[in-house]
């Protein structure tokens, strides 16, 4: 159920606000029951512990071979690395502001990162090879002990 819309002037995409999570001293935040969206966008403003690292995982899928080169680096950490999740890093900052857009989230084909924006420099590339449409997205703390607080919004473009 969409509760708001955003439209960009140079595109046919109409972004609908699907849900907002406001974690407070949390180590994870999950959006579930996602369906019927060809694109998904996470928009976030989080505060966290110093040197904290966070990840995004689709459909609770921890199969490392399904995530290729998935790294979101808000500070330079030496480049992408394969992992069993999409890494989002606030290191060495204690706040993270940004967005990431995923394509083909309603399909059984690979999902690609389309766009990314954040407050610091970094690199981004990646693919998720899961064969199911995205039905849930979890943002979680990676290192243990670094809780986060703030706002995470999930937007979607209807299929």
Protein backbone atom coordinates (compact mmCIF):
# COMPACT_ATOMS: atom_id res chain seq x y z
CA UNK A 1 0.00 0.00 0.00
CA UNK A 2 1.56 3.26 -1.09
CA UNK A 3 1.24 6.26 1.16
CA UNK A 4 2.94 8.87 -1.05
CA UNK A 5 4.43 9.38 -4.49
CA UNK A 6 7.50 11.03 -5.96
CA UNK A 7 7.92 11.74 -9.67
CA UNK A 8 11.11 12.75 -11.46
CA UNK A 9 10.83 15.04 -14.49
CA UNK A 10 13.08 12.97 -16.81
CA UNK A 11 11.56 9.57 -16.26
CA UNK A 12 8.34 7.61 -16.49
CA UNK A 13 8.95 6.19 -13.03
CA UNK A 14 6.46 7.13 -10.34
CA UNK A 15 8.00 6.32 -6.96
CA UNK A 16 5.56 5.31 -4.23
CA UNK A 17 6.46 5.35 -0.57
CA UNK A 18 5.91 1.75 0.55
CA UNK A 19 6.99 1.99 4.18
CA UNK A 20 9.09 3.89 6.69
CA UNK A 21 11.10 2.30 9.46
CA UNK A 22 12.46 4.38 12.33
CA UNK A 23 14.92 2.15 14.17
CA UNK A 24 16.08 3.34 17.59
CA UNK A 25 19.19 1.70 19.02
CA UNK A 26 18.54 -1.27 16.74
CA UNK A 27 20.89 -3.76 15.12
CA UNK A 28 18.50 -4.56 12.25
CA UNK A 29 15.47 -3.23 10.42
CA UNK A 30 13.37 -5.25 7.95
CA UNK A 31 10.88 -4.37 5.24
CA UNK A 32 8.72 -7.40 4.41
CA UNK A 33 5.73 -8.35 2.27
CA UNK A 34 7.16 -6.44 -0.69
CA UNK A 35 5.56 -7.33 -4.03
CA UNK A 36 4.59 -5.79 -7.35
CA UNK A 37 7.48 -3.31 -7.69
CA UNK A 38 9.93 -3.36 -10.62
CA UNK A 39 12.33 -0.98 -8.84
CA UNK A 40 13.02 -0.43 -5.17
CA UNK A 41 14.84 2.46 -3.52
CA UNK A 42 16.13 2.70 0.04
CA UNK A 43 16.56 6.25 1.35
CA UNK A 44 18.24 6.46 4.71
CA UNK A 45 19.54 8.82 7.36
CA UNK A 46 21.17 6.88 10.17
CA UNK A 47 23.46 7.51 13.09
CA UNK A 48 25.62 4.69 14.31
CA UNK A 49 28.70 3.73 16.25
CA UNK A 50 32.08 4.80 14.97
CA UNK A 51 33.53 2.44 12.36
CA UNK A 52 30.25 0.55 12.11
CA UNK A 53 29.40 -1.49 9.03
CA UNK A 54 25.91 -2.37 7.87
CA UNK A 55 24.52 -4.64 5.20
CA UNK A 56 21.44 -5.15 3.09
CA UNK A 57 20.20 -8.69 2.51
CA UNK A 58 17.39 -9.68 0.15
CA UNK A 59 14.78 -12.33 1.02
CA UNK A 60 16.88 -13.51 4.01
CA UNK A 61 19.23 -15.02 1.40
CA UNK A 62 22.69 -15.64 2.84
CA UNK A 63 24.05 -17.49 -0.21
CA UNK A 64 27.38 -15.75 -0.88
CA UNK A 65 27.41 -16.66 -4.58
CA UNK A 66 24.16 -14.72 -5.10
CA UNK A 67 25.87 -11.40 -4.31
CA UNK A 68 28.45 -10.23 -6.83
CA UNK A 69 30.76 -7.32 -6.06
CA UNK A 70 28.18 -5.77 -3.79
CA UNK A 71 29.70 -2.89 -1.85
CA UNK A 72 28.38 0.52 -0.90
CA UNK A 73 31.27 2.48 0.48
CA UNK A 74 30.55 5.84 2.07
CA UNK A 75 34.24 6.13 2.94
CA UNK A 76 37.24 4.64 1.19
CA UNK A 77 37.87 1.13 2.49
CA UNK A 78 39.83 -0.27 -0.40
CA UNK A 79 37.12 -1.31 -2.83
CA UNK A 80 34.45 -3.93 -3.33
CA UNK A 81 34.59 -7.46 -2.00
CA UNK A 82 32.32 -10.45 -2.52
CA UNK A 83 30.07 -11.16 0.43
CA UNK A 84 26.79 -12.82 1.35
CA UNK A 85 25.07 -9.45 1.51
CA UNK A 86 25.31 -5.90 0.22
CA UNK A 87 27.65 -3.94 2.49
CA UNK A 88 26.84 -0.34 3.50
CA UNK A 89 29.68 1.26 5.43
CA UNK A 90 29.62 4.39 7.55
CA UNK A 91 33.32 4.03 8.48
CA UNK A 92 34.85 6.22 9.86
CA UNK A 93 31.79 8.44 10.19
CA UNK A 94 29.01 8.03 12.71
CA UNK A 95 26.26 9.10 10.33
CA UNK A 96 25.14 7.77 6.98
CA UNK A 97 22.85 9.57 4.56
CA UNK A 98 22.09 8.24 1.10
CA UNK A 99 20.01 6.17 -1.25
CA UNK A 100 20.34 3.13 -3.45
CA UNK A 101 18.08 1.98 -6.32
CA UNK A 102 17.67 -1.65 -7.37
CA UNK A 103 16.28 -2.74 -10.78
CA UNK A 104 14.22 -5.78 -11.80
CA UNK A 105 13.13 -6.53 -8.24
CA UNK A 106 9.89 -8.12 -9.43
CA UNK A 107 11.64 -10.63 -11.71
CA UNK A 108 13.35 -13.98 -11.31
CA UNK A 109 16.32 -12.61 -13.27
CA UNK A 110 19.35 -10.85 -11.71
CA UNK A 111 18.74 -7.58 -9.87
CA UNK A 112 21.17 -4.73 -10.57
CA UNK A 113 22.07 -1.62 -8.62
CA UNK A 114 20.94 1.26 -10.85
CA UNK A 115 21.85 4.35 -8.85
CA UNK A 116 23.54 5.28 -5.63
CA UNK A 117 24.09 8.51 -3.74
CA UNK A 118 25.68 9.19 -0.40
CA UNK A 119 27.37 11.83 1.67
CA UNK A 120 30.98 10.69 1.16
CA UNK A 121 33.00 9.34 -1.68
CA UNK A 122 32.98 5.69 -2.49
CA UNK A 123 32.42 3.08 -5.14
CA UNK A 124 29.39 1.08 -6.05
CA UNK A 125 28.71 -1.86 -8.25
CA UNK A 126 26.87 -5.05 -7.84
CA UNK A 127 24.37 -7.66 -8.78
CA UNK A 128 22.05 -9.92 -6.82
CA UNK A 129 21.54 -13.29 -8.52
CA UNK A 130 18.67 -14.63 -6.41
CA UNK A 131 15.99 -16.29 -8.54
CA UNK A 132 12.97 -14.99 -6.64
CA UNK A 133 11.42 -11.55 -6.79
CA UNK A 134 12.45 -9.39 -3.83
CA UNK A 135 9.93 -9.84 -1.02
CA UNK A 136 11.97 -8.55 1.91
CA UNK A 137 14.96 -6.31 2.57
CA UNK A 138 16.88 -6.33 5.84
CA UNK A 139 19.34 -3.64 6.89
CA UNK A 140 21.51 -4.92 9.74
CA UNK A 141 24.63 -4.13 11.71
CA UNK A 142 27.57 -6.28 10.65
CA UNK A 143 30.08 -6.13 13.50
CA UNK A 144 28.09 -6.64 16.71
CA UNK A 145 27.68 -3.91 19.25
CA UNK A 146 26.94 -0.98 16.94
CA UNK A 147 23.28 -0.11 17.16
CA UNK A 148 21.81 2.43 14.75
CA UNK A 149 19.00 4.95 14.88
CA UNK A 150 17.29 7.12 12.31
CA UNK A 151 14.95 6.78 9.37
CA UNK A 152 14.88 4.33 6.47
CA UNK A 153 12.28 4.76 3.73
CA UNK A 154 11.45 2.18 1.10
CA UNK A 155 10.05 3.45 -2.21
CA UNK A 156 8.93 1.40 -5.21
CA UNK A 157 7.94 1.78 -8.86
CA UNK A 158 4.92 -0.40 -9.63
CA UNK A 159 5.48 -3.21 -12.14
